[in-house]
Amino acid sequence: MKRAELAILLAAVTTALAACDLPGTVPANVAVVVDGVNVPMSRYDHVVETTKRVAEARGLPLDANSTNGQARLKSIRSVTIRGLVHEALIKTIARQKNIQVTDSELNQAVNDVAQALGGKEALAQRLDQAGETDGDFRDQVRLQRLQGKLRTADPSYDKHLQDAVKAAKVRAYAQPCDQDHEYPRCIGGQA
């Protein structure tokens, strides 16, 4: 076989293998890929850690050595992956429909929440207790407002989101999907 033919064959094999989820081909620092959009592992880790702190603050211990603790942690991780998939698709739908939440709208919504809690200091205290940053909170409020705008623009939005979840090409790499990357199977079958 000539060098040129060997080079072409090697390129074809390399391309084919890159498309597979073989050990060692998991994307670095990626928790989930939703329709080609990478969700960073740092986002997944942050949501899991925040959820664990909230659970523990509510009296639900997460002892990783106990059966109950392991089950709770697996549930938190599964729900986190599901939430990240939904979040990515909500943002995609909003981009497709050219719907956004302006900084002014976001600031007003954050101020409304702060006032309802008794002021900015009360909001900051709540966020600190939950282990959340102001940026995390603003992201959550923006996503909620975005969904509100999507629902206003499209009364069938929730069904469209469900359809988008079912149709999405999703590969998950964070626990519990670190061995089987097939979503939603890796989290128990429910998307």
Protein backbone atom coordinates (compact mmCIF):
# COMPACT_ATOMS: atom_id res chain seq x y z
CA MET A 1 0.00 0.00 0.00
CA LYS A 2 1.35 3.39 -0.93
CA ARG A 3 1.87 6.12 1.63
CA ALA A 4 -0.91 8.30 0.16
CA GLU A 5 -3.41 5.41 0.35
CA LEU A 6 -2.30 4.61 3.90
CA ALA A 7 -2.70 8.27 4.92
CA ILE A 8 -6.24 8.36 3.49
CA LEU A 9 -7.15 5.09 5.26
CA LEU A 10 -5.70 6.35 8.55
CA ALA A 11 -7.65 9.62 8.24
CA ALA A 12 -10.89 7.71 7.59
CA VAL A 13 -10.35 5.40 10.58
CA THR A 14 -9.45 8.34 12.83
CA THR A 15 -12.60 10.22 11.78
CA ALA A 16 -14.78 7.15 12.37
CA LEU A 17 -13.29 6.53 15.81
CA ALA A 18 -13.67 10.17 16.82
CA ALA A 19 -17.42 9.88 16.29
CA CYS A 20 -17.65 6.95 18.73
CA ASP A 21 -17.84 7.07 22.51
CA LEU A 22 -14.86 4.87 23.09
CA PRO A 23 -12.99 5.03 26.39
CA GLY A 24 -10.78 8.07 26.28
CA THR A 25 -12.95 9.92 23.73
CA VAL A 26 -15.16 11.64 26.29
CA PRO A 27 -14.99 15.40 25.76
CA ALA A 28 -12.79 17.08 28.35
CA ASN A 29 -14.64 19.15 30.96
CA VAL A 30 -18.04 18.60 29.33
CA ALA A 31 -20.99 17.31 31.36
CA VAL A 32 -23.58 17.16 28.58
CA VAL A 33 -23.75 17.84 24.86
CA VAL A 34 -27.20 18.92 23.69
CA ASP A 35 -27.63 19.17 19.91
CA GLY A 36 -23.95 20.02 19.58
CA VAL A 37 -23.92 22.57 22.43
CA ASN A 38 -21.48 21.72 25.24
CA VAL A 39 -22.55 22.25 28.84
CA PRO A 40 -19.41 22.56 30.97
CA MET A 41 -18.67 20.14 33.79
CA SER A 42 -18.14 23.16 36.05
CA ARG A 43 -21.83 24.08 35.60
CA TYR A 44 -22.89 20.52 36.46
CA ASP A 45 -20.58 20.40 39.51
CA HIS A 46 -21.87 23.74 40.76
CA VAL A 47 -25.53 22.73 40.48
CA VAL A 48 -24.88 19.39 42.19
CA GLU A 49 -22.96 21.02 45.06
CA THR A 50 -25.58 23.74 45.54
CA THR A 51 -28.38 21.16 45.55
CA LYS A 52 -26.48 19.03 48.08
CA ARG A 53 -26.06 22.04 50.40
CA VAL A 54 -29.77 22.86 50.16
CA ALA A 55 -30.71 19.23 50.89
CA GLU A 56 -28.41 19.08 53.89
CA ALA A 57 -29.73 22.42 55.17
CA ARG A 58 -33.22 20.90 55.03
CA GLY A 59 -32.11 17.95 57.16
CA LEU A 60 -31.50 15.43 54.36
CA PRO A 61 -27.95 14.21 54.99
CA LEU A 62 -25.93 12.98 52.05
CA ASP A 63 -23.58 10.48 53.62
CA ALA A 64 -21.86 8.94 50.59
CA ASN A 65 -21.18 5.80 52.65
CA SER A 66 -24.85 5.09 53.33
CA THR A 67 -27.31 3.52 50.92
CA ASN A 68 -29.76 6.40 51.37
CA GLY A 69 -27.04 8.99 50.85
CA GLN A 70 -25.84 7.30 47.68
CA ALA A 71 -29.41 7.10 46.36
CA ARG A 72 -30.01 10.81 47.11
CA LEU A 73 -26.76 11.78 45.43
CA LYS A 74 -27.60 9.73 42.34
CA SER A 75 -31.02 11.39 42.22
CA ILE A 76 -29.48 14.86 42.53
CA ARG A 77 -27.04 14.08 39.73
CA SER A 78 -29.79 12.69 37.47
CA VAL A 79 -32.05 15.68 38.09
CA THR A 80 -29.12 18.00 37.41
CA ILE A 81 -28.42 16.41 34.04
CA ARG A 82 -32.11 16.57 33.13
CA GLY A 83 -32.20 20.24 34.16
CA LEU A 84 -29.09 21.10 32.13
CA VAL A 85 -30.61 19.47 29.04
CA HIS A 86 -33.81 21.46 29.50
CA GLU A 87 -31.86 24.67 30.12
CA ALA A 88 -29.83 24.23 26.92
CA LEU A 89 -32.97 23.59 24.89
CA ILE A 90 -34.84 26.55 26.40
CA LYS A 91 -31.98 28.81 25.34
CA THR A 92 -31.94 27.27 21.87
CA ILE A 93 -35.69 27.74 21.42
CA ALA A 94 -35.41 31.34 22.60
CA ARG A 95 -32.60 32.03 20.11
CA GLN A 96 -34.63 30.47 17.31
CA LYS A 97 -37.63 32.66 18.19
CA ASN A 98 -35.41 35.70 18.76
CA ILE A 99 -36.71 36.07 22.31
CA GLN A 100 -34.43 37.44 24.99
CA VAL A 101 -34.45 39.03 28.41
CA THR A 102 -32.76 42.42 28.34
CA ASP A 103 -30.40 43.51 31.09
CA SER A 104 -32.95 46.13 32.10
CA GLU A 105 -35.69 43.49 32.45
CA LEU A 106 -33.33 41.25 34.41
CA ASN A 107 -32.30 44.06 36.76
CA GLN A 108 -35.95 44.91 37.40
CA ALA A 109 -36.79 41.26 38.16
CA VAL A 110 -33.83 40.94 40.54
CA ASN A 111 -34.83 44.18 42.28
CA ASP A 112 -38.41 42.89 42.62
CA VAL A 113 -37.16 39.72 44.32
CA ALA A 114 -34.84 41.71 46.58
CA GLN A 115 -37.70 43.99 47.63
CA ALA A 116 -39.96 41.00 48.32
CA LEU A 117 -37.28 39.57 50.62
CA GLY A 118 -36.69 42.86 52.44
CA GLY A 119 -33.92 44.41 50.40
CA LYS A 120 -30.65 43.64 48.65
CA GLU A 121 -28.91 42.64 51.87
CA ALA A 122 -31.62 40.08 52.64
CA LEU A 123 -31.25 38.67 49.12
CA ALA A 124 -27.46 38.51 49.49
CA GLN A 125 -27.87 36.68 52.82
CA ARG A 126 -30.25 34.12 51.26
CA LEU A 127 -27.87 33.54 48.37
CA ASP A 128 -24.95 33.12 50.75
CA GLN A 129 -26.88 30.58 52.83
CA ALA A 130 -27.70 28.61 49.67
CA GLY A 131 -24.10 28.79 48.46
CA GLU A 132 -25.16 30.73 45.37
CA THR A 133 -23.53 33.75 43.85
CA ASP A 134 -25.29 36.82 42.54
CA GLY A 135 -24.36 35.63 39.03
CA ASP A 136 -25.98 32.23 39.65
CA PHE A 137 -29.14 33.92 40.86
CA ARG A 138 -29.24 36.30 37.91
CA ASP A 139 -28.82 33.35 35.52
CA GLN A 140 -31.77 31.57 37.18
CA VAL A 141 -33.96 34.66 37.04
CA ARG A 142 -33.03 35.25 33.39
CA LEU A 143 -33.96 31.66 32.53
CA GLN A 144 -37.30 31.95 34.37
CA ARG A 145 -38.11 35.23 32.61
CA LEU A 146 -37.09 33.72 29.30
CA GLN A 147 -39.51 30.85 29.84
CA GLY A 148 -42.23 33.31 30.76
CA LYS A 149 -41.69 35.20 27.52
CA LEU A 150 -41.66 31.95 25.54
CA ARG A 151 -44.97 30.90 27.13
CA THR A 152 -46.50 34.28 26.34
CA ALA A 153 -45.33 34.11 22.72
CA ASP A 154 -46.40 30.49 22.29
CA PRO A 155 -49.25 29.02 24.36
CA SER A 156 -48.03 25.54 23.30
CA TYR A 157 -44.49 26.24 24.50
CA ASP A 158 -44.43 23.51 27.17
CA LYS A 159 -45.42 20.88 24.60
CA HIS A 160 -42.86 22.24 22.16
CA LEU A 161 -40.19 22.02 24.85
CA GLN A 162 -41.17 18.41 25.61
CA ASP A 163 -40.98 17.62 21.89
CA ALA A 164 -37.57 19.32 21.67
CA VAL A 165 -36.31 17.23 24.61
CA LYS A 166 -37.50 14.03 22.95
CA ALA A 167 -35.97 14.98 19.59
CA ALA A 168 -32.68 16.34 20.94
CA LYS A 169 -29.44 14.52 20.36
CA VAL A 170 -27.98 14.35 23.86
CA ARG A 171 -24.83 12.71 25.16
CA ALA A 172 -24.20 12.91 28.90
CA TYR A 173 -20.78 12.40 30.47
CA ALA A 174 -21.27 13.39 34.12
CA GLN A 175 -22.32 10.91 36.80
CA PRO A 176 -24.47 8.81 36.64
CA CYS A 177 -23.84 8.87 32.87
CA ASP A 178 -20.08 8.48 33.11
CA GLN A 179 -20.22 4.89 31.79
CA ASP A 180 -23.36 4.88 29.62
CA HIS A 181 -23.62 8.22 27.81
CA GLU A 182 -27.00 7.50 26.21
CA TYR A 183 -29.50 10.07 27.49
CA PRO A 184 -32.13 9.60 28.94
CA ARG A 185 -31.34 5.92 29.52
CA CYS A 186 -28.35 6.76 31.70
CA ILE A 187 -30.53 8.63 34.20
CA GLY A 188 -33.26 6.03 34.37
CA GLY A 189 -35.12 6.59 31.13
CA GLN A 190 -37.09 9.76 31.86
CA ALA A 191 -36.05 12.85 29.91
